[in-house]
Amino acid sequence: MTGEVSPVGNDEVRFAEPGAPWWPLLIGPVVAVGGLFLDRLAPGGASPWAWVVIGLVLFLPIALIVRTRRRLLAVRLTPDTLVQGDESVPTAGIVGVRPADGSGRLGPRPFGGHPTVPRHLGVVVVTLEDGTRRAAWARDADGLHAALSRVLADRAPSPAEGS
């Protein structure tokens, strides 16, 4: 999911992906409430506290996974910074972007400290000032490519300003 927000200044978010949705956190409570309801329909059944424990046993690891994925797979682009997971790159150091050429996930070293581009994510190849190429990634790789291209175009001086 991309988001276009327009606050004032260079804090304007040009592209953002959260890394993971929050809805999986509902699995534990829904299973607990459903189990409790079905238990009440049948004679006997487990104690309501058993369903509370089952709900917590499902909720806690899912919460840890969602929190970790939101931190490690989040993407955020402002005119000044590209943030991918735990890595932050100044956009001033980016000189070019292009969509992936189909070489797969095992191309340039990805941003975010990952050994390869995370599964189910698209790749945008970014060229840095020193000539190295790195793999930026997002669920909406085309949207990230377009946003990075706009940031670079906005940063480039217009021909009328050139000296």
C-alpha atoms as a PDB file:
ATOM      1  CA  MET A   1       0.000   0.000   0.000  1.00  0.00           C
ATOM      2  CA  THR A   2       1.503   3.304  -0.990  1.00  0.00           C
ATOM      3  CA  GLY A   3       0.698   6.583   0.596  1.00  0.00           C
ATOM      4  CA  GLU A   4       0.972  10.079  -0.767  1.00  0.00           C
ATOM      5  CA  VAL A   5       1.084  12.691   1.995  1.00  0.00           C
ATOM      6  CA  SER A   6       1.915  16.341   1.505  1.00  0.00           C
ATOM      7  CA  PRO A   7       3.089  18.153   4.621  1.00  0.00           C
ATOM      8  CA  VAL A   8       5.305  21.216   4.256  1.00  0.00           C
ATOM      9  CA  GLY A   9       9.051  20.979   3.565  1.00  0.00           C
ATOM     10  CA  ASN A  10      11.361  18.069   2.931  1.00  0.00           C
ATOM     11  CA  ASP A  11       9.523  15.798   5.381  1.00  0.00           C
ATOM     12  CA  GLU A  12       6.979  15.139   2.633  1.00  0.00           C
ATOM     13  CA  VAL A  13       6.500  11.389   2.283  1.00  0.00           C
ATOM     14  CA  ARG A  14       6.663  10.457  -1.394  1.00  0.00           C
ATOM     15  CA  PHE A  15       6.267   6.700  -0.936  1.00  0.00           C
ATOM     16  CA  ALA A  16       5.598   4.487   2.079  1.00  0.00           C
ATOM     17  CA  GLU A  17       4.879   0.853   2.824  1.00  0.00           C
ATOM     18  CA  PRO A  18       4.391  -0.349   6.404  1.00  0.00           C
ATOM     19  CA  GLY A  19       6.117  -3.725   6.025  1.00  0.00           C
ATOM     20  CA  ALA A  20       3.204  -5.758   7.429  1.00  0.00           C
ATOM     21  CA  PRO A  21      -0.483  -5.224   8.173  1.00  0.00           C
ATOM     22  CA  TRP A  22      -1.897  -5.280  11.705  1.00  0.00           C
ATOM     23  CA  TRP A  23      -4.900  -7.543  10.961  1.00  0.00           C
ATOM     24  CA  PRO A  24      -3.100 -10.867  11.775  1.00  0.00           C
ATOM     25  CA  LEU A  25      -3.211  -9.776  15.429  1.00  0.00           C
ATOM     26  CA  LEU A  26      -6.942 -10.548  15.354  1.00  0.00           C
ATOM     27  CA  ILE A  27      -6.336 -14.283  14.768  1.00  0.00           C
ATOM     28  CA  GLY A  28      -5.766 -15.161  18.439  1.00  0.00           C
ATOM     29  CA  PRO A  29      -8.759 -13.280  19.850  1.00  0.00           C
ATOM     30  CA  VAL A  30     -11.083 -14.493  17.061  1.00  0.00           C
ATOM     31  CA  VAL A  31     -10.068 -18.129  17.634  1.00  0.00           C
ATOM     32  CA  ALA A  32     -10.542 -17.704  21.402  1.00  0.00           C
ATOM     33  CA  VAL A  33     -13.983 -16.109  21.102  1.00  0.00           C
ATOM     34  CA  GLY A  34     -15.086 -18.623  18.445  1.00  0.00           C
ATOM     35  CA  GLY A  35     -13.842 -21.552  20.518  1.00  0.00           C
ATOM     36  CA  LEU A  36     -15.556 -20.249  23.618  1.00  0.00           C
ATOM     37  CA  PHE A  37     -18.816 -19.795  21.689  1.00  0.00           C
ATOM     38  CA  LEU A  38     -18.657 -23.317  20.232  1.00  0.00           C
ATOM     39  CA  ASP A  39     -17.794 -24.740  23.652  1.00  0.00           C
ATOM     40  CA  ARG A  40     -20.906 -23.135  25.132  1.00  0.00           C
ATOM     41  CA  LEU A  41     -23.064 -24.846  22.472  1.00  0.00           C
ATOM     42  CA  ALA A  42     -21.750 -28.322  23.368  1.00  0.00           C
ATOM     43  CA  PRO A  43     -22.333 -30.030  26.716  1.00  0.00           C
ATOM     44  CA  GLY A  44     -19.272 -30.027  28.967  1.00  0.00           C
ATOM     45  CA  GLY A  45     -16.485 -28.178  27.168  1.00  0.00           C
ATOM     46  CA  ALA A  46     -13.341 -26.482  28.336  1.00  0.00           C
ATOM     47  CA  SER A  47     -13.048 -23.752  30.903  1.00  0.00           C
ATOM     48  CA  PRO A  48     -13.318 -20.194  29.565  1.00  0.00           C
ATOM     49  CA  TRP A  49      -9.803 -19.610  30.941  1.00  0.00           C
ATOM     50  CA  ALA A  50      -8.493 -22.281  28.562  1.00  0.00           C
ATOM     51  CA  TRP A  51      -9.736 -20.196  25.632  1.00  0.00           C
ATOM     52  CA  VAL A  52      -8.116 -17.068  27.078  1.00  0.00           C
ATOM     53  CA  VAL A  53      -4.809 -18.949  27.259  1.00  0.00           C
ATOM     54  CA  ILE A  54      -5.247 -20.274  23.702  1.00  0.00           C
ATOM     55  CA  GLY A  55      -5.959 -16.731  22.478  1.00  0.00           C
ATOM     56  CA  LEU A  56      -2.811 -15.436  24.196  1.00  0.00           C
ATOM     57  CA  VAL A  57      -0.680 -18.319  22.905  1.00  0.00           C
ATOM     58  CA  LEU A  58      -1.732 -17.358  19.370  1.00  0.00           C
ATOM     59  CA  PHE A  59      -1.626 -13.594  19.886  1.00  0.00           C
ATOM     60  CA  LEU A  60       1.859 -13.170  21.400  1.00  0.00           C
ATOM     61  CA  PRO A  61       4.031 -14.813  18.698  1.00  0.00           C
ATOM     62  CA  ILE A  62       1.932 -13.255  15.943  1.00  0.00           C
ATOM     63  CA  ALA A  63       2.404  -9.826  17.582  1.00  0.00           C
ATOM     64  CA  LEU A  64       6.169 -10.389  17.669  1.00  0.00           C
ATOM     65  CA  ILE A  65       6.231 -11.405  14.001  1.00  0.00           C
ATOM     66  CA  VAL A  66       4.093  -8.442  12.896  1.00  0.00           C
ATOM     67  CA  ARG A  67       6.184  -5.975  14.907  1.00  0.00           C
ATOM     68  CA  THR A  68       9.431  -7.362  13.472  1.00  0.00           C
ATOM     69  CA  ARG A  69       8.160  -7.345   9.888  1.00  0.00           C
ATOM     70  CA  ARG A  70       6.878  -3.764  10.304  1.00  0.00           C
ATOM     71  CA  ARG A  71      10.360  -2.707  11.386  1.00  0.00           C
ATOM     72  CA  LEU A  72      12.486  -4.744   8.954  1.00  0.00           C
ATOM     73  CA  LEU A  73      10.340  -4.478   5.815  1.00  0.00           C
ATOM     74  CA  ALA A  74       9.079  -0.894   6.064  1.00  0.00           C
ATOM     75  CA  VAL A  75       9.845   1.448   3.167  1.00  0.00           C
ATOM     76  CA  ARG A  76       9.695   5.243   3.359  1.00  0.00           C
ATOM     77  CA  LEU A  77      10.859   7.798   0.816  1.00  0.00           C
ATOM     78  CA  THR A  78      11.102  11.540   1.433  1.00  0.00           C
ATOM     79  CA  PRO A  79      12.942  14.069  -0.739  1.00  0.00           C
ATOM     80  CA  ASP A  80      15.948  13.732   1.609  1.00  0.00           C
ATOM     81  CA  THR A  81      15.980  10.071   2.652  1.00  0.00           C
ATOM     82  CA  LEU A  82      15.185   6.546   1.487  1.00  0.00           C
ATOM     83  CA  VAL A  83      14.551   4.251   4.458  1.00  0.00           C
ATOM     84  CA  GLN A  84      14.457   0.500   3.843  1.00  0.00           C
ATOM     85  CA  GLY A  85      14.136  -1.585   6.960  1.00  0.00           C
ATOM     86  CA  ASP A  86      16.920  -0.558   9.336  1.00  0.00           C
ATOM     87  CA  GLU A  87      18.971   1.265   6.666  1.00  0.00           C
ATOM     88  CA  SER A  88      18.619   4.934   5.837  1.00  0.00           C
ATOM     89  CA  VAL A  89      20.169   6.348   2.648  1.00  0.00           C
ATOM     90  CA  PRO A  90      20.326  10.047   1.762  1.00  0.00           C
ATOM     91  CA  THR A  91      18.730  10.623  -1.639  1.00  0.00           C
ATOM     92  CA  ALA A  92      21.514  13.096  -2.431  1.00  0.00           C
ATOM     93  CA  GLY A  93      23.764  10.037  -2.850  1.00  0.00           C
ATOM     94  CA  ILE A  94      21.453   8.458  -5.437  1.00  0.00           C
ATOM     95  CA  VAL A  95      22.278   9.346  -9.037  1.00  0.00           C
ATOM     96  CA  GLY A  96      20.036   6.961 -10.950  1.00  0.00           C
ATOM     97  CA  VAL A  97      17.202   4.441 -10.696  1.00  0.00           C
ATOM     98  CA  ARG A  98      15.900   1.811 -13.046  1.00  0.00           C
ATOM     99  CA  PRO A  99      13.470  -1.059 -12.761  1.00  0.00           C
ATOM    100  CA  ALA A 100      14.955  -4.511 -12.281  1.00  0.00           C
ATOM    101  CA  ASP A 101      16.088  -6.134 -15.510  1.00  0.00           C
ATOM    102  CA  GLY A 102      14.645  -9.529 -14.628  1.00  0.00           C
ATOM    103  CA  SER A 103      17.852 -10.870 -13.101  1.00  0.00           C
ATOM    104  CA  GLY A 104      15.817 -12.034 -10.117  1.00  0.00           C
ATOM    105  CA  ARG A 105      16.358 -11.481  -6.415  1.00  0.00           C
ATOM    106  CA  LEU A 106      20.066 -12.364  -6.532  1.00  0.00           C
ATOM    107  CA  GLY A 107      21.344  -9.209  -8.190  1.00  0.00           C
ATOM    108  CA  PRO A 108      22.893  -6.175  -6.491  1.00  0.00           C
ATOM    109  CA  ARG A 109      23.232  -6.113  -2.710  1.00  0.00           C
ATOM    110  CA  PRO A 110      19.889  -5.000  -1.248  1.00  0.00           C
ATOM    111  CA  PHE A 111      19.315  -2.142   1.160  1.00  0.00           C
ATOM    112  CA  GLY A 112      18.094  -2.894   4.665  1.00  0.00           C
ATOM    113  CA  GLY A 113      20.847  -5.312   5.641  1.00  0.00           C
ATOM    114  CA  HIS A 114      19.122  -8.287   4.003  1.00  0.00           C
ATOM    115  CA  PRO A 115      21.301 -10.916   2.250  1.00  0.00           C
ATOM    116  CA  THR A 116      18.827 -11.040  -0.653  1.00  0.00           C
ATOM    117  CA  VAL A 117      15.699  -9.116  -1.565  1.00  0.00           C
ATOM    118  CA  PRO A 118      12.910 -10.389   0.719  1.00  0.00           C
ATOM    119  CA  ARG A 119      10.413 -12.739  -0.930  1.00  0.00           C
ATOM    120  CA  HIS A 120       7.310 -11.329  -2.601  1.00  0.00           C
ATOM    121  CA  LEU A 121       8.926  -7.911  -3.020  1.00  0.00           C
ATOM    122  CA  GLY A 122       9.848  -6.204  -6.281  1.00  0.00           C
ATOM    123  CA  VAL A 123      13.243  -4.694  -7.026  1.00  0.00           C
ATOM    124  CA  VAL A 124      14.351  -1.239  -8.165  1.00  0.00           C
ATOM    125  CA  VAL A 125      18.048  -0.933  -9.039  1.00  0.00           C
ATOM    126  CA  VAL A 126      19.585   2.219  -7.543  1.00  0.00           C
ATOM    127  CA  THR A 127      22.920   3.665  -8.680  1.00  0.00           C
ATOM    128  CA  LEU A 128      24.845   5.552  -5.996  1.00  0.00           C
ATOM    129  CA  GLU A 129      27.367   8.395  -6.438  1.00  0.00           C
ATOM    130  CA  ASP A 130      30.346   6.046  -6.184  1.00  0.00           C
ATOM    131  CA  GLY A 131      28.986   3.934  -9.061  1.00  0.00           C
ATOM    132  CA  THR A 132      27.804   0.982  -6.978  1.00  0.00           C
ATOM    133  CA  ARG A 133      24.410  -0.488  -7.643  1.00  0.00           C
ATOM    134  CA  ARG A 134      22.087  -1.517  -4.840  1.00  0.00           C
ATOM    135  CA  ALA A 135      18.663  -3.131  -4.823  1.00  0.00           C
ATOM    136  CA  ALA A 136      15.828  -1.095  -3.350  1.00  0.00           C
ATOM    137  CA  TRP A 137      12.691  -3.162  -2.754  1.00  0.00           C
ATOM    138  CA  ALA A 138       8.973  -2.761  -2.153  1.00  0.00           C
ATOM    139  CA  ARG A 139       5.712  -4.606  -2.682  1.00  0.00           C
ATOM    140  CA  ASP A 140       4.834  -1.913  -5.215  1.00  0.00           C
ATOM    141  CA  ALA A 141       8.201  -1.748  -6.995  1.00  0.00           C
ATOM    142  CA  ASP A 142       6.724   0.292  -9.858  1.00  0.00           C
ATOM    143  CA  GLY A 143       5.406   2.864  -7.373  1.00  0.00           C
ATOM    144  CA  LEU A 144       8.804   3.046  -5.636  1.00  0.00           C
ATOM    145  CA  HIS A 145      10.548   3.446  -9.008  1.00  0.00           C
ATOM    146  CA  ALA A 146       8.183   6.260 -10.004  1.00  0.00           C
ATOM    147  CA  ALA A 147       8.594   8.020  -6.642  1.00  0.00           C
ATOM    148  CA  LEU A 148      12.404   7.746  -6.734  1.00  0.00           C
ATOM    149  CA  SER A 149      12.409   9.049 -10.314  1.00  0.00           C
ATOM    150  CA  ARG A 150      10.273  12.049  -9.248  1.00  0.00           C
ATOM    151  CA  VAL A 151      12.621  12.779  -6.326  1.00  0.00           C
ATOM    152  CA  LEU A 152      15.644  12.711  -8.657  1.00  0.00           C
ATOM    153  CA  ALA A 153      13.841  14.839 -11.268  1.00  0.00           C
ATOM    154  CA  ASP A 154      12.826  17.404  -8.628  1.00  0.00           C
ATOM    155  CA  ARG A 155      16.396  17.562  -7.385  1.00  0.00           C
ATOM    156  CA  ALA A 156      17.956  18.048 -10.836  1.00  0.00           C
ATOM    157  CA  PRO A 157      18.399  21.692 -11.843  1.00  0.00           C
ATOM    158  CA  SER A 158      16.189  22.836 -14.676  1.00  0.00           C
ATOM    159  CA  PRO A 159      17.902  23.814 -17.979  1.00  0.00           C
ATOM    160  CA  ALA A 160      16.929  27.469 -17.359  1.00  0.00           C
ATOM    161  CA  GLU A 161      18.866  27.450 -14.047  1.00  0.00           C
ATOM    162  CA  GLY A 162      21.961  25.769 -15.485  1.00  0.00           C
ATOM    163  CA  SER A 163      25.216  27.684 -15.693  1.00  0.00           C
END
